Protein backbone atom coordinates (compact mmCIF):
# COMPACT_ATOMS: atom_id res chain seq x y z
CA UNK A 1 -22.60 18.98 -91.45
CA UNK A 2 -25.70 16.87 -91.99
CA UNK A 3 -25.89 14.05 -94.52
CA UNK A 4 -28.21 16.16 -96.70
CA UNK A 5 -25.68 19.00 -96.70
CA UNK A 6 -22.89 16.58 -97.56
CA UNK A 7 -24.96 15.20 -100.43
CA UNK A 8 -25.64 18.72 -101.71
CA UNK A 9 -21.92 19.55 -101.63
CA UNK A 10 -21.04 16.30 -103.39
CA UNK A 11 -23.64 16.92 -106.12
CA UNK A 12 -22.43 20.51 -106.62
CA UNK A 13 -18.81 19.37 -106.81
CA UNK A 14 -19.75 16.82 -109.47
CA UNK A 15 -21.51 19.57 -111.45
CA UNK A 16 -18.47 21.84 -111.22
CA UNK A 17 -16.07 19.06 -112.22
CA UNK A 18 -18.09 17.95 -115.26
CA UNK A 19 -16.52 20.49 -117.68
CA UNK A 20 -13.05 19.68 -116.34
CA UNK A 21 -13.65 15.96 -116.88
CA UNK A 22 -14.82 16.70 -120.44
CA UNK A 23 -11.62 18.63 -121.16
CA UNK A 24 -9.52 15.79 -119.78
CA UNK A 25 -11.32 13.33 -122.04
CA UNK A 26 -10.50 15.55 -125.04
CA UNK A 27 -6.76 15.10 -124.47
CA UNK A 28 -5.23 12.95 -127.18
CA UNK A 29 -1.80 12.31 -125.74
CA UNK A 30 0.24 12.02 -122.60
CA UNK A 31 1.69 15.47 -123.29
CA UNK A 32 -1.76 17.05 -123.47
CA UNK A 33 -2.76 15.36 -120.21
CA UNK A 34 0.36 16.75 -118.55
CA UNK A 35 -0.31 20.21 -120.00
CA UNK A 36 -3.85 20.31 -118.63
CA UNK A 37 -2.67 18.92 -115.27
CA UNK A 38 -0.05 21.67 -114.97
CA UNK A 39 -2.55 24.34 -115.98
CA UNK A 40 -5.06 23.06 -113.42
CA UNK A 41 -2.40 23.05 -110.68
CA UNK A 42 -1.43 26.63 -111.50
CA UNK A 43 -5.04 27.83 -111.62
CA UNK A 44 -5.83 25.96 -108.38
CA UNK A 45 -2.93 27.67 -106.64
CA UNK A 46 -4.12 31.08 -107.88
CA UNK A 47 -7.67 30.46 -106.67
CA UNK A 48 -6.56 29.18 -103.27
CA UNK A 49 -4.13 32.10 -102.84
CA UNK A 50 -6.88 34.60 -103.59
CA UNK A 51 -9.38 32.95 -101.26
CA UNK A 52 -7.38 31.80 -98.22
CA UNK A 53 -3.81 33.15 -98.66
CA UNK A 54 -0.56 31.87 -100.05
CA UNK A 55 0.61 30.68 -96.64
CA UNK A 56 -2.55 28.59 -96.17
CA UNK A 57 -2.13 27.17 -99.68
CA UNK A 58 1.41 26.11 -98.85
CA UNK A 59 0.20 24.31 -95.74
CA UNK A 60 -2.65 22.70 -97.67
CA UNK A 61 -0.34 21.43 -100.41
CA UNK A 62 2.23 20.18 -97.87
CA UNK A 63 -0.51 18.21 -96.08
CA UNK A 64 -1.28 16.45 -99.37
CA UNK A 65 2.29 15.15 -99.70
């Protein structure tokens, strides 16, 4: 991947994360932060399962630990 391609990916990722960051900033308490974190983990798992398989998601999550 070229540096220009990496920059394009980084910029697009920042654009996609902007609404998520806004929602996080709207949280008023520790409980709300934990609620949104759990919801994001669940939704992330669903997206990854649908795109690359549950087995691949398990390996991906295990590599993060």
